[in-house]
Full PDB file with SEQRES, HELIX, SHEET, SSBOND, CRYST1, ORIGX, SCALE, CONECT and MASTER records, all heavy atoms in Angstrom:
SEQRES   1 A   42  SER GLU GLU VAL LYS GLU ARG LEU ARG ALA LEU LYS ARG          
SEQRES   2 A   42  ASP ASP GLU SER PHE ASP GLU LEU LEU ASP ARG LEU SER          
SEQRES   3 A   42  ARG ARG GLU LYS ASP ILE GLU GLU MET ALA GLY SER LEU          
SEQRES   4 A   42  ALA PHE LEU                                                  
HELIX    1 AA1 GLU A    2  LEU A   11  1                                  10    
HELIX    2 AA2 PHE A   18  SER A   38  1                                  21    
CRYST1    1.000    1.000    1.000  90.00  90.00  90.00 P 1           1          
ORIGX1      1.000000  0.000000  0.000000        0.00000                         
ORIGX2      0.000000  1.000000  0.000000        0.00000                         
ORIGX3      0.000000  0.000000  1.000000        0.00000                         
SCALE1      1.000000  0.000000  0.000000        0.00000                         
SCALE2      0.000000  1.000000  0.000000        0.00000                         
SCALE3      0.000000  0.000000  1.000000        0.00000                         
ATOM      1  N   SER A   1      -3.131   0.206  24.295  1.00  0.00           N  
ATOM      2  CA  SER A   1      -4.036  -0.529  25.187  1.00  0.00           C  
ATOM      3  C   SER A   1      -3.664  -2.014  25.175  1.00  0.00           C  
ATOM      4  O   SER A   1      -2.968  -2.493  24.273  1.00  0.00           O  
ATOM      5  CB  SER A   1      -5.479  -0.351  24.725  1.00  0.00           C  
ATOM      6  OG  SER A   1      -5.668  -1.009  23.483  1.00  0.00           O  
ATOM      7  N   GLU A   2      -4.161  -2.740  26.155  1.00  0.00           N  
ATOM      8  CA  GLU A   2      -3.915  -4.182  26.212  1.00  0.00           C  
ATOM      9  C   GLU A   2      -4.491  -4.878  24.977  1.00  0.00           C  
ATOM     10  O   GLU A   2      -3.914  -5.822  24.460  1.00  0.00           O  
ATOM     11  CB  GLU A   2      -4.508  -4.784  27.490  1.00  0.00           C  
ATOM     12  CG  GLU A   2      -3.704  -4.478  28.725  1.00  0.00           C  
ATOM     13  CD  GLU A   2      -2.293  -5.059  28.671  1.00  0.00           C  
ATOM     14  OE1 GLU A   2      -2.120  -6.215  28.217  1.00  0.00           O  
ATOM     15  OE2 GLU A   2      -1.350  -4.348  29.078  1.00  0.00           O  
ATOM     16  N   GLU A   3      -5.644  -4.383  24.522  1.00  0.00           N  
ATOM     17  CA  GLU A   3      -6.281  -4.960  23.337  1.00  0.00           C  
ATOM     18  C   GLU A   3      -5.383  -4.816  22.113  1.00  0.00           C  
ATOM     19  O   GLU A   3      -5.183  -5.773  21.362  1.00  0.00           O  
ATOM     20  CB  GLU A   3      -7.631  -4.274  23.083  1.00  0.00           C  
ATOM     21  CG  GLU A   3      -8.367  -4.808  21.881  1.00  0.00           C  
ATOM     22  CD  GLU A   3      -9.671  -4.071  21.634  1.00  0.00           C  
ATOM     23  OE1 GLU A   3     -10.260  -3.544  22.593  1.00  0.00           O  
ATOM     24  OE2 GLU A   3     -10.091  -4.025  20.474  1.00  0.00           O  
ATOM     25  N   VAL A   4      -4.826  -3.632  21.911  1.00  0.00           N  
ATOM     26  CA  VAL A   4      -3.929  -3.398  20.782  1.00  0.00           C  
ATOM     27  C   VAL A   4      -2.667  -4.238  20.930  1.00  0.00           C  
ATOM     28  O   VAL A   4      -2.184  -4.847  19.969  1.00  0.00           O  
ATOM     29  CB  VAL A   4      -3.579  -1.898  20.649  1.00  0.00           C  
ATOM     30  CG1 VAL A   4      -2.462  -1.672  19.644  1.00  0.00           C  
ATOM     31  CG2 VAL A   4      -4.815  -1.101  20.264  1.00  0.00           C  
ATOM     32  N   LYS A   5      -2.147  -4.308  22.143  1.00  0.00           N  
ATOM     33  CA  LYS A   5      -0.937  -5.099  22.385  1.00  0.00           C  
ATOM     34  C   LYS A   5      -1.165  -6.564  22.027  1.00  0.00           C  
ATOM     35  O   LYS A   5      -0.308  -7.212  21.421  1.00  0.00           O  
ATOM     36  CB  LYS A   5      -0.509  -4.976  23.847  1.00  0.00           C  
ATOM     37  CG  LYS A   5       0.788  -5.673  24.147  1.00  0.00           C  
ATOM     38  CD  LYS A   5       1.204  -5.440  25.583  1.00  0.00           C  
ATOM     39  CE  LYS A   5       2.504  -6.161  25.907  1.00  0.00           C  
ATOM     40  NZ  LYS A   5       2.900  -5.956  27.303  1.00  0.00           N  
ATOM     41  N   GLU A   6      -2.332  -7.098  22.360  1.00  0.00           N  
ATOM     42  CA  GLU A   6      -2.629  -8.491  22.037  1.00  0.00           C  
ATOM     43  C   GLU A   6      -2.751  -8.692  20.527  1.00  0.00           C  
ATOM     44  O   GLU A   6      -2.311  -9.718  20.002  1.00  0.00           O  
ATOM     45  CB  GLU A   6      -3.900  -8.955  22.753  1.00  0.00           C  
ATOM     46  CG  GLU A   6      -3.705  -9.126  24.252  1.00  0.00           C  
ATOM     47  CD  GLU A   6      -2.556 -10.066  24.590  1.00  0.00           C  
ATOM     48  OE1 GLU A   6      -2.451 -11.158  23.991  1.00  0.00           O  
ATOM     49  OE2 GLU A   6      -1.738  -9.698  25.457  1.00  0.00           O  
ATOM     50  N   ARG A   7      -3.372  -7.736  19.821  1.00  0.00           N  
ATOM     51  CA  ARG A   7      -3.469  -7.845  18.362  1.00  0.00           C  
ATOM     52  C   ARG A   7      -2.086  -7.792  17.730  1.00  0.00           C  
ATOM     53  O   ARG A   7      -1.795  -8.542  16.801  1.00  0.00           O  
ATOM     54  CB  ARG A   7      -4.356  -6.735  17.800  1.00  0.00           C  
ATOM     55  CG  ARG A   7      -5.832  -6.976  18.069  1.00  0.00           C  
ATOM     56  CD  ARG A   7      -6.732  -6.140  17.183  1.00  0.00           C  
ATOM     57  NE  ARG A   7      -6.356  -4.754  17.085  1.00  0.00           N  
ATOM     58  CZ  ARG A   7      -7.014  -3.739  17.633  1.00  0.00           C  
ATOM     59  NH1 ARG A   7      -8.109  -3.957  18.323  1.00  0.00           N  
ATOM     60  NH2 ARG A   7      -6.595  -2.499  17.482  1.00  0.00           N  
ATOM     61  N   LEU A   8      -1.224  -6.912  18.246  1.00  0.00           N  
ATOM     62  CA  LEU A   8       0.141  -6.840  17.734  1.00  0.00           C  
ATOM     63  C   LEU A   8       0.897  -8.132  18.026  1.00  0.00           C  
ATOM     64  O   LEU A   8       1.632  -8.634  17.173  1.00  0.00           O  
ATOM     65  CB  LEU A   8       0.884  -5.643  18.330  1.00  0.00           C  
ATOM     66  CG  LEU A   8       0.422  -4.266  17.846  1.00  0.00           C  
ATOM     67  CD1 LEU A   8       1.078  -3.170  18.670  1.00  0.00           C  
ATOM     68  CD2 LEU A   8       0.718  -4.090  16.365  1.00  0.00           C  
ATOM     69  N   ARG A   9       0.714  -8.651  19.222  1.00  0.00           N  
ATOM     70  CA  ARG A   9       1.386  -9.904  19.588  1.00  0.00           C  
ATOM     71  C   ARG A   9       0.968 -11.033  18.644  1.00  0.00           C  
ATOM     72  O   ARG A   9       1.776 -11.873  18.250  1.00  0.00           O  
ATOM     73  CB  ARG A   9       1.072 -10.266  21.031  1.00  0.00           C  
ATOM     74  CG  ARG A   9       1.809 -11.502  21.506  1.00  0.00           C  
ATOM     75  CD  ARG A   9       1.608 -11.789  22.983  1.00  0.00           C  
ATOM     76  NE  ARG A   9       2.485 -10.907  23.750  1.00  0.00           N  
ATOM     77  CZ  ARG A   9       2.102 -10.126  24.749  1.00  0.00           C  
ATOM     78  NH1 ARG A   9       0.834 -10.119  25.124  1.00  0.00           N  
ATOM     79  NH2 ARG A   9       2.940  -9.370  25.390  1.00  0.00           N  
ATOM     80  N   ALA A  10      -0.309 -11.055  18.250  1.00  0.00           N  
ATOM     81  CA  ALA A  10      -0.799 -12.088  17.336  1.00  0.00           C  
ATOM     82  C   ALA A  10      -0.185 -11.946  15.936  1.00  0.00           C  
ATOM     83  O   ALA A  10      -0.014 -12.939  15.229  1.00  0.00           O  
ATOM     84  CB  ALA A  10      -2.325 -12.025  17.246  1.00  0.00           C  
ATOM     85  N   LEU A  11       0.151 -10.729  15.551  1.00  0.00           N  
ATOM     86  CA  LEU A  11       0.749 -10.482  14.232  1.00  0.00           C  
ATOM     87  C   LEU A  11       2.263 -10.692  14.221  1.00  0.00           C  
ATOM     88  O   LEU A  11       2.857 -10.906  13.174  1.00  0.00           O  
ATOM     89  CB  LEU A  11       0.458  -9.045  13.783  1.00  0.00           C  
ATOM     90  CG  LEU A  11      -0.991  -8.696  13.507  1.00  0.00           C  
ATOM     91  CD1 LEU A  11      -1.138  -7.200  13.284  1.00  0.00           C  
ATOM     92  CD2 LEU A  11      -1.502  -9.465  12.298  1.00  0.00           C  
ATOM     93  N   LYS A  12       2.866 -10.631  15.387  1.00  0.00           N  
ATOM     94  CA  LYS A  12       4.324 -10.699  15.505  1.00  0.00           C  
ATOM     95  C   LYS A  12       4.812 -12.108  15.221  1.00  0.00           C  
ATOM     96  O   LYS A  12       4.272 -13.090  15.689  1.00  0.00           O  
ATOM     97  CB  LYS A  12       4.742 -10.273  16.913  1.00  0.00           C  
ATOM     98  CG  LYS A  12       6.212 -10.058  17.098  1.00  0.00           C  
ATOM     99  CD  LYS A  12       6.507  -9.452  18.458  1.00  0.00           C  
ATOM    100  CE  LYS A  12       6.799 -10.453  19.520  1.00  0.00           C  
ATOM    101  NZ  LYS A  12       7.747 -11.477  19.237  1.00  0.00           N  
ATOM    102  N   ARG A  13       5.873 -12.190  14.418  1.00  0.00           N  
ATOM    103  CA  ARG A  13       6.508 -13.473  14.142  1.00  0.00           C  
ATOM    104  C   ARG A  13       7.360 -13.881  15.341  1.00  0.00           C  
ATOM    105  O   ARG A  13       7.811 -13.040  16.105  1.00  0.00           O  
ATOM    106  CB  ARG A  13       7.371 -13.354  12.894  1.00  0.00           C  
ATOM    107  CG  ARG A  13       6.553 -13.018  11.658  1.00  0.00           C  
ATOM    108  CD  ARG A  13       7.433 -12.713  10.484  1.00  0.00           C  
ATOM    109  NE  ARG A  13       6.610 -12.377   9.323  1.00  0.00           N  
ATOM    110  CZ  ARG A  13       7.041 -11.660   8.302  1.00  0.00           C  
ATOM    111  NH1 ARG A  13       8.277 -11.202   8.283  1.00  0.00           N  
ATOM    112  NH2 ARG A  13       6.235 -11.399   7.300  1.00  0.00           N  
ATOM    113  N   ASP A  14       7.592 -15.185  15.488  1.00  0.00           N  
ATOM    114  CA  ASP A  14       8.343 -15.690  16.638  1.00  0.00           C  
ATOM    115  C   ASP A  14       9.745 -15.094  16.748  1.00  0.00           C  
ATOM    116  O   ASP A  14      10.230 -14.849  17.844  1.00  0.00           O  
ATOM    117  CB  ASP A  14       8.451 -17.219  16.586  1.00  0.00           C  
ATOM    118  CG  ASP A  14       7.118 -17.892  16.840  1.00  0.00           C  
ATOM    119  OD1 ASP A  14       6.228 -17.255  17.443  1.00  0.00           O  
ATOM    120  OD2 ASP A  14       6.965 -19.053  16.423  1.00  0.00           O  
ATOM    121  N   ASP A  15      10.389 -14.875  15.620  1.00  0.00           N  
ATOM    122  CA  ASP A  15      11.768 -14.375  15.620  1.00  0.00           C  
ATOM    123  C   ASP A  15      11.847 -12.857  15.473  1.00  0.00           C  
ATOM    124  O   ASP A  15      12.892 -12.320  15.136  1.00  0.00           O  
ATOM    125  CB  ASP A  15      12.562 -15.041  14.492  1.00  0.00           C  
ATOM    126  CG  ASP A  15      12.013 -14.714  13.110  1.00  0.00           C  
ATOM    127  OD1 ASP A  15      10.833 -14.304  13.006  1.00  0.00           O  
ATOM    128  OD2 ASP A  15      12.757 -14.857  12.129  1.00  0.00           O  
ATOM    129  N   GLU A  16      10.753 -12.162  15.748  1.00  0.00           N  
ATOM    130  CA  GLU A  16      10.649 -10.733  15.470  1.00  0.00           C  
ATOM    131  C   GLU A  16      10.409  -9.955  16.763  1.00  0.00           C  
ATOM    132  O   GLU A  16       9.615 -10.359  17.601  1.00  0.00           O  
ATOM    133  CB  GLU A  16       9.470 -10.542  14.503  1.00  0.00           C  
ATOM    134  CG  GLU A  16       9.264  -9.194  13.939  1.00  0.00           C  
ATOM    135  CD  GLU A  16       8.159  -9.195  12.896  1.00  0.00           C  
ATOM    136  OE1 GLU A  16       7.063  -9.758  13.142  1.00  0.00           O  
ATOM    137  OE2 GLU A  16       8.394  -8.642  11.819  1.00  0.00           O  
ATOM    138  N   SER A  17      11.089  -8.829  16.901  1.00  0.00           N  
ATOM    139  CA  SER A  17      10.827  -7.937  18.033  1.00  0.00           C  
ATOM    140  C   SER A  17       9.614  -7.071  17.698  1.00  0.00           C  
ATOM    141  O   SER A  17       9.191  -6.998  16.539  1.00  0.00           O  
ATOM    142  CB  SER A  17      12.045  -7.049  18.296  1.00  0.00           C  
ATOM    143  OG  SER A  17      12.213  -6.128  17.229  1.00  0.00           O  
ATOM    144  N   PHE A  18       9.059  -6.398  18.697  1.00  0.00           N  
ATOM    145  CA  PHE A  18       7.939  -5.490  18.421  1.00  0.00           C  
ATOM    146  C   PHE A  18       8.399  -4.347  17.515  1.00  0.00           C  
ATOM    147  O   PHE A  18       7.649  -3.886  16.658  1.00  0.00           O  
ATOM    148  CB  PHE A  18       7.332  -4.948  19.722  1.00  0.00           C  
ATOM    149  CG  PHE A  18       6.349  -5.896  20.341  1.00  0.00           C  
ATOM    150  CD1 PHE A  18       6.710  -6.667  21.424  1.00  0.00           C  
ATOM    151  CD2 PHE A  18       5.066  -6.034  19.836  1.00  0.00           C  
ATOM    152  CE1 PHE A  18       5.806  -7.556  22.003  1.00  0.00           C  
ATOM    153  CE2 PHE A  18       4.161  -6.917  20.396  1.00  0.00           C  
ATOM    154  CZ  PHE A  18       4.537  -7.681  21.484  1.00  0.00           C  
ATOM    155  N   ASP A  19       9.619  -3.892  17.675  1.00  0.00           N  
ATOM    156  CA  ASP A  19      10.165  -2.843  16.804  1.00  0.00           C  
ATOM    157  C   ASP A  19      10.184  -3.322  15.352  1.00  0.00           C  
ATOM    158  O   ASP A  19       9.768  -2.603  14.441  1.00  0.00           O  
ATOM    159  CB  ASP A  19      11.571  -2.456  17.268  1.00  0.00           C  
ATOM    160  CG  ASP A  19      12.135  -1.308  16.463  1.00  0.00           C  
ATOM    161  OD1 ASP A  19      11.566  -0.188  16.552  1.00  0.00           O  
ATOM    162  OD2 ASP A  19      13.127  -1.520  15.742  1.00  0.00           O  
ATOM    163  N   GLU A  20      10.640  -4.545  15.128  1.00  0.00           N  
ATOM    164  CA  GLU A  20      10.683  -5.101  13.775  1.00  0.00           C  
ATOM    165  C   GLU A  20       9.275  -5.282  13.219  1.00  0.00           C  
ATOM    166  O   GLU A  20       9.030  -5.037  12.035  1.00  0.00           O  
ATOM    167  CB  GLU A  20      11.434  -6.427  13.774  1.00  0.00           C  
ATOM    168  CG  GLU A  20      12.917  -6.259  14.054  1.00  0.00           C  
ATOM    169  CD  GLU A  20      13.623  -7.556  14.394  1.00  0.00           C  
ATOM    170  OE1 GLU A  20      12.974  -8.491  14.938  1.00  0.00           O  
ATOM    171  OE2 GLU A  20      14.831  -7.629  14.115  1.00  0.00           O  
ATOM    172  N   LEU A  21       8.344  -5.714  14.063  1.00  0.00           N  
ATOM    173  CA  LEU A  21       6.955  -5.865  13.637  1.00  0.00           C  
ATOM    174  C   LEU A  21       6.386  -4.530  13.167  1.00  0.00           C  
ATOM    175  O   LEU A  21       5.802  -4.433  12.086  1.00  0.00           O  
ATOM    176  CB  LEU A  21       6.099  -6.412  14.781  1.00  0.00           C  
ATOM    177  CG  LEU A  21       4.580  -6.308  14.584  1.00  0.00           C  
ATOM    178  CD1 LEU A  21       4.107  -7.245  13.500  1.00  0.00           C  
ATOM    179  CD2 LEU A  21       3.861  -6.558  15.894  1.00  0.00           C  
ATOM    180  N   LEU A  22       6.543  -3.496  13.989  1.00  0.00           N  
ATOM    181  CA  LEU A  22       5.995  -2.188  13.631  1.00  0.00           C  
ATOM    182  C   LEU A  22       6.659  -1.637  12.385  1.00  0.00           C  
ATOM    183  O   LEU A  22       5.997  -1.014  11.540  1.00  0.00           O  
ATOM    184  CB  LEU A  22       6.134  -1.222  14.805  1.00  0.00           C  
ATOM    185  CG  LEU A  22       5.289  -1.594  16.025  1.00  0.00           C  
ATOM    186  CD1 LEU A  22       5.640  -0.696  17.203  1.00  0.00           C  
ATOM    187  CD2 LEU A  22       3.811  -1.526  15.704  1.00  0.00           C  
ATOM    188  N   ASP A  23       7.949  -1.886  12.225  1.00  0.00           N  
ATOM    189  CA  ASP A  23       8.643  -1.459  11.011  1.00  0.00           C  
ATOM    190  C   ASP A  23       8.058  -2.173   9.795  1.00  0.00           C  
ATOM    191  O   ASP A  23       7.743  -1.545   8.782  1.00  0.00           O  
ATOM    192  CB  ASP A  23      10.139  -1.756  11.139  1.00  0.00           C  
ATOM    193  CG  ASP A  23      10.917  -1.304   9.932  1.00  0.00           C  
ATOM    194  OD1 ASP A  23      10.811  -0.100   9.574  1.00  0.00           O  
ATOM    195  OD2 ASP A  23      11.635  -2.128   9.346  1.00  0.00           O  
ATOM    196  N   ARG A  24       7.859  -3.483   9.901  1.00  0.00           N  
ATOM    197  CA  ARG A  24       7.300  -4.262   8.789  1.00  0.00           C  
ATOM    198  C   ARG A  24       5.892  -3.792   8.445  1.00  0.00           C  
ATOM    199  O   ARG A  24       5.558  -3.578   7.271  1.00  0.00           O  
ATOM    200  CB  ARG A  24       7.278  -5.752   9.182  1.00  0.00           C  
ATOM    201  CG  ARG A  24       6.648  -6.651   8.139  1.00  0.00           C  
ATOM    202  CD  ARG A  24       6.847  -8.122   8.463  1.00  0.00           C  
ATOM    203  NE  ARG A  24       6.397  -8.537   9.773  1.00  0.00           N  
ATOM    204  CZ  ARG A  24       5.159  -8.950  10.053  1.00  0.00           C  
ATOM    205  NH1 ARG A  24       4.231  -8.978   9.119  1.00  0.00           N  
ATOM    206  NH2 ARG A  24       4.854  -9.343  11.275  1.00  0.00           N  
ATOM    207  N   LEU A  25       5.058  -3.597   9.450  1.00  0.00           N  
ATOM    208  CA  LEU A  25       3.678  -3.181   9.201  1.00  0.00           C  
ATOM    209  C   LEU A  25       3.597  -1.773   8.630  1.00  0.00           C  
ATOM    210  O   LEU A  25       2.751  -1.494   7.780  1.00  0.00           O  
ATOM    211  CB  LEU A  25       2.860  -3.265  10.490  1.00  0.00           C  
ATOM    212  CG  LEU A  25       2.633  -4.664  11.051  1.00  0.00           C  
ATOM    213  CD1 LEU A  25       1.899  -4.581  12.381  1.00  0.00           C  
ATOM    214  CD2 LEU A  25       1.894  -5.539  10.064  1.00  0.00           C  
ATOM    215  N   SER A  26       4.461  -0.892   9.076  1.00  0.00           N  
ATOM    216  CA  SER A  26       4.403   0.491   8.596  1.00  0.00           C  
ATOM    217  C   SER A  26       4.911   0.629   7.175  1.00  0.00           C  
ATOM    218  O   SER A  26       4.572   1.582   6.483  1.00  0.00           O  
ATOM    219  CB  SER A  26       5.193   1.414   9.529  1.00  0.00           C  
ATOM    220  OG  SER A  26       6.576   1.115   9.464  1.00  0.00           O  
ATOM    221  N   ARG A  27       5.700  -0.304   6.701  1.00  0.00           N  
ATOM    222  CA  ARG A  27       6.220  -0.251   5.334  1.00  0.00           C  
ATOM    223  C   ARG A  27       5.272  -0.877   4.324  1.00  0.00           C  
ATOM    224  O   ARG A  27       5.284  -0.521   3.167  1.00  0.00           O  
ATOM    225  CB  ARG A  27       7.556  -0.992   5.254  1.00  0.00           C  
ATOM    226  CG  ARG A  27       8.649  -0.307   5.969  1.00  0.00           C  
ATOM    227  CD  ARG A  27       9.890  -1.182   5.953  1.00  0.00           C  
ATOM    228  NE  ARG A  27      10.957  -0.580   6.688  1.00  0.00           N  
ATOM    229  CZ  ARG A  27      11.942   0.108   6.140  1.00  0.00           C  
ATOM    230  NH1 ARG A  27      11.974   0.265   4.838  1.00  0.00           N  
ATOM    231  NH2 ARG A  27      12.885   0.638   6.877  1.00  0.00           N  
ATOM    232  N   ARG A  28       4.456  -1.800   4.750  1.00  0.00           N  
ATOM    233  CA  ARG A  28       3.669  -2.615   3.839  1.00  0.00           C  
ATOM    234  C   ARG A  28       2.807  -1.797   2.874  1.00  0.00           C  
ATOM    235  O   ARG A  28       2.875  -1.965   1.673  1.00  0.00           O  
ATOM    236  CB  ARG A  28       2.786  -3.563   4.646  1.00  0.00           C  
ATOM    237  CG  ARG A  28       2.210  -4.661   3.809  1.00  0.00           C  
ATOM    238  CD  ARG A  28       1.527  -5.677   4.646  1.00  0.00           C  
ATOM    239  NE  ARG A  28       2.534  -6.595   5.167  1.00  0.00           N  
ATOM    240  CZ  ARG A  28       2.303  -7.516   6.067  1.00  0.00           C  
ATOM    241  NH1 ARG A  28       1.109  -7.637   6.572  1.00  0.00           N  
ATOM    242  NH2 ARG A  28       3.245  -8.323   6.478  1.00  0.00           N  
ATOM    243  N   GLU A  29       1.982  -0.884   3.375  1.00  0.00           N  
ATOM    244  CA  GLU A  29       1.073  -0.135   2.504  1.00  0.00           C  
ATOM    245  C   GLU A  29       1.847   0.770   1.560  1.00  0.00           C  
ATOM    246  O   GLU A  29       1.533   0.865   0.385  1.00  0.00           O  
ATOM    247  CB  GLU A  29       0.078   0.681   3.326  1.00  0.00           C  
ATOM    248  CG  GLU A  29      -0.980   1.329   2.459  1.00  0.00           C  
ATOM    249  CD  GLU A  29      -2.131   1.881   3.266  1.00  0.00           C  
ATOM    250  OE1 GLU A  29      -2.447   1.345   4.330  1.00  0.00           O  
ATOM    251  OE2 GLU A  29      -2.710   2.858   2.804  1.00  0.00           O  
ATOM    252  N   LYS A  30       2.869   1.434   2.056  1.00  0.00           N  
ATOM    253  CA  LYS A  30       3.671   2.319   1.206  1.00  0.00           C  
ATOM    254  C   LYS A  30       4.335   1.520   0.099  1.00  0.00           C  
ATOM    255  O   LYS A  30       4.359   1.945  -1.054  1.00  0.00           O  
ATOM    256  CB  LYS A  30       4.721   3.041   2.043  1.00  0.00           C  
ATOM    257  CG  LYS A  30       5.557   3.992   1.242  1.00  0.00           C  
ATOM    258  CD  LYS A  30       6.581   4.688   2.091  1.00  0.00           C  
ATOM    259  CE  LYS A  30       7.421   5.603   1.217  1.00  0.00           C  
ATOM    260  NZ  LYS A  30       8.572   6.116   1.897  1.00  0.00           N  
ATOM    261  N   ASP A  31       4.885   0.366   0.414  1.00  0.00           N  
ATOM    262  CA  ASP A  31       5.530  -0.466  -0.591  1.00  0.00           C  
ATOM    263  C   ASP A  31       4.551  -0.897  -1.667  1.00  0.00           C  
ATOM    264  O   ASP A  31       4.883  -0.913  -2.851  1.00  0.00           O  
ATOM    265  CB  ASP A  31       6.161  -1.702   0.057  1.00  0.00           C  
ATOM    266  CG  ASP A  31       7.355  -1.361   0.944  1.00  0.00           C  
ATOM    267  OD1 ASP A  31       7.868  -0.233   0.833  1.00  0.00           O  
ATOM    268  OD2 ASP A  31       7.761  -2.224   1.734  1.00  0.00           O  
ATOM    269  N   ILE A  32       3.338  -1.248  -1.271  1.00  0.00           N  
ATOM    270  CA  ILE A  32       2.315  -1.652  -2.240  1.00  0.00           C  
ATOM    271  C   ILE A  32       1.972  -0.486  -3.159  1.00  0.00           C  
ATOM    272  O   ILE A  32       1.855  -0.646  -4.374  1.00  0.00           O  
ATOM    273  CB  ILE A  32       1.055  -2.180  -1.519  1.00  0.00           C  
ATOM    274  CG1 ILE A  32       1.373  -3.527  -0.865  1.00  0.00           C  
ATOM    275  CG2 ILE A  32      -0.128  -2.315  -2.477  1.00  0.00           C  
ATOM    276  CD1 ILE A  32       0.298  -4.039   0.064  1.00  0.00           C  
ATOM    277  N   GLU A  33       1.840   0.719  -2.604  1.00  0.00           N  
ATOM    278  CA  GLU A  33       1.536   1.886  -3.424  1.00  0.00           C  
ATOM    279  C   GLU A  33       2.679   2.185  -4.389  1.00  0.00           C  
ATOM    280  O   GLU A  33       2.448   2.550  -5.540  1.00  0.00           O  
ATOM    281  CB  GLU A  33       1.261   3.091  -2.530  1.00  0.00           C  
ATOM    282  CG  GLU A  33      -0.067   2.986  -1.812  1.00  0.00           C  
ATOM    283  CD  GLU A  33      -0.301   4.099  -0.815  1.00  0.00           C  
ATOM    284  OE1 GLU A  33       0.582   4.963  -0.650  1.00  0.00           O  
ATOM    285  OE2 GLU A  33      -1.371   4.106  -0.193  1.00  0.00           O  
ATOM    286  N   GLU A  34       3.920   2.009  -3.947  1.00  0.00           N  
ATOM    287  CA  GLU A  34       5.065   2.236  -4.821  1.00  0.00           C  
ATOM    288  C   GLU A  34       5.088   1.221  -5.959  1.00  0.00           C  
ATOM    289  O   GLU A  34       5.362   1.565  -7.102  1.00  0.00           O  
ATOM    290  CB  GLU A  34       6.367   2.179  -4.033  1.00  0.00           C  
ATOM    291  CG  GLU A  34       6.590   3.400  -3.169  1.00  0.00           C  
ATOM    292  CD  GLU A  34       7.843   3.299  -2.316  1.00  0.00           C  
ATOM    293  OE1 GLU A  34       8.618   2.329  -2.466  1.00  0.00           O  
ATOM    294  OE2 GLU A  34       8.036   4.202  -1.486  1.00  0.00           O  
ATOM    295  N   MET A  35       4.790  -0.043  -5.646  1.00  0.00           N  
ATOM    296  CA  MET A  35       4.748  -1.067  -6.691  1.00  0.00           C  
ATOM    297  C   MET A  35       3.653  -0.747  -7.703  1.00  0.00           C  
ATOM    298  O   MET A  35       3.844  -0.904  -8.901  1.00  0.00           O  
ATOM    299  CB  MET A  35       4.509  -2.450  -6.084  1.00  0.00           C  
ATOM    300  CG  MET A  35       5.714  -3.009  -5.376  1.00  0.00           C  
ATOM    301  SD  MET A  35       5.532  -4.731  -4.879  1.00  0.00           S  
ATOM    302  CE  MET A  35       4.109  -4.678  -3.804  1.00  0.00           C  
ATOM    303  N   ALA A  36       2.516  -0.294  -7.214  1.00  0.00           N  
ATOM    304  CA  ALA A  36       1.419   0.045  -8.118  1.00  0.00           C  
ATOM    305  C   ALA A  36       1.832   1.173  -9.049  1.00  0.00           C  
ATOM    306  O   ALA A  36       1.543   1.142 -10.246  1.00  0.00           O  
ATOM    307  CB  ALA A  36       0.185   0.437  -7.329  1.00  0.00           C  
ATOM    308  N   GLY A  37       2.528   2.167  -8.523  1.00  0.00           N  
ATOM    309  CA  GLY A  37       3.000   3.267  -9.345  1.00  0.00           C  
ATOM    310  C   GLY A  37       3.983   2.815 -10.397  1.00  0.00           C  
ATOM    311  O   GLY A  37       3.992   3.324 -11.522  1.00  0.00           O  
ATOM    312  N   SER A  38       4.816   1.837 -10.074  1.00  0.00           N  
ATOM    313  CA  SER A  38       5.804   1.361 -11.033  1.00  0.00           C  
ATOM    314  C   SER A  38       5.164   0.572 -12.174  1.00  0.00           C  
ATOM    315  O   SER A  38       5.771   0.381 -13.216  1.00  0.00           O  
ATOM    316  CB  SER A  38       6.872   0.510 -10.338  1.00  0.00           C  
ATOM    317  OG  SER A  38       6.323  -0.711  -9.907  1.00  0.00           O  
ATOM    318  N   LEU A  39       3.938   0.116 -11.983  1.00  0.00           N  
ATOM    319  CA  LEU A  39       3.232  -0.628 -13.021  1.00  0.00           C  
ATOM    320  C   LEU A  39       2.309   0.257 -13.858  1.00  0.00           C  
ATOM    321  O   LEU A  39       1.650  -0.231 -14.768  1.00  0.00           O  
ATOM    322  CB  LEU A  39       2.401  -1.748 -12.389  1.00  0.00           C  
ATOM    323  CG  LEU A  39       3.188  -2.827 -11.659  1.00  0.00           C  
ATOM    324  CD1 LEU A  39       2.236  -3.791 -10.964  1.00  0.00           C  
ATOM    325  CD2 LEU A  39       4.097  -3.575 -12.613  1.00  0.00           C  
ATOM    326  N   ALA A  40       2.286   1.544 -13.570  1.00  0.00           N  
ATOM    327  CA  ALA A  40       1.346   2.446 -14.234  1.00  0.00           C  
ATOM    328  C   ALA A  40       1.502   2.422 -15.755  1.00  0.00           C  
ATOM    329  O   ALA A  40       0.526   2.555 -16.488  1.00  0.00           O  
ATOM    330  CB  ALA A  40       1.512   3.866 -13.710  1.00  0.00           C  
ATOM    331  N   PHE A  41       2.732   2.228 -16.242  1.00  0.00           N  
ATOM    332  CA  PHE A  41       2.938   2.223 -17.688  1.00  0.00           C  
ATOM    333  C   PHE A  41       2.223   1.055 -18.370  1.00  0.00           C  
ATOM    334  O   PHE A  41       1.964   1.091 -19.567  1.00  0.00           O  
ATOM    335  CB  PHE A  41       4.433   2.178 -18.019  1.00  0.00           C  
ATOM    336  CG  PHE A  41       5.086   0.864 -17.701  1.00  0.00           C  
ATOM    337  CD1 PHE A  41       5.216  -0.105 -18.682  1.00  0.00           C  
ATOM    338  CD2 PHE A  41       5.572   0.599 -16.433  1.00  0.00           C  
ATOM    339  CE1 PHE A  41       5.821  -1.323 -18.393  1.00  0.00           C  
ATOM    340  CE2 PHE A  41       6.184  -0.609 -16.144  1.00  0.00           C  
ATOM    341  CZ  PHE A  41       6.306  -1.573 -17.120  1.00  0.00           C  
ATOM    342  N   LEU A  42       1.853   0.018 -17.632  1.00  0.00           N  
ATOM    343  CA  LEU A  42       1.125  -1.121 -18.184  1.00  0.00           C  
ATOM    344  C   LEU A  42      -0.376  -0.866 -18.263  1.00  0.00           C  
ATOM    345  O   LEU A  42      -1.101  -1.639 -18.859  1.00  0.00           O  
ATOM    346  CB  LEU A  42       1.352  -2.367 -17.310  1.00  0.00           C  
ATOM    347  CG  LEU A  42       2.772  -2.878 -17.193  1.00  0.00           C  
ATOM    348  CD1 LEU A  42       2.827  -4.013 -16.174  1.00  0.00           C  
ATOM    349  CD2 LEU A  42       3.294  -3.352 -18.539  1.00  0.00           C  
TER     350      LEU A  42                                                      
MASTER        0    0    0    2    0    0    0    6  349    1    0    4          
END                                                                             
């Protein structure tokens, strides 16, 4: 929707394509969960 497109545009960096934005956003939560798992021994 136009609303979603505007929210994505607001999150997009100036030097970033929409493809790069979506790639960055889709990795963020998974990466955080992986980091949390790597700290479990602490």
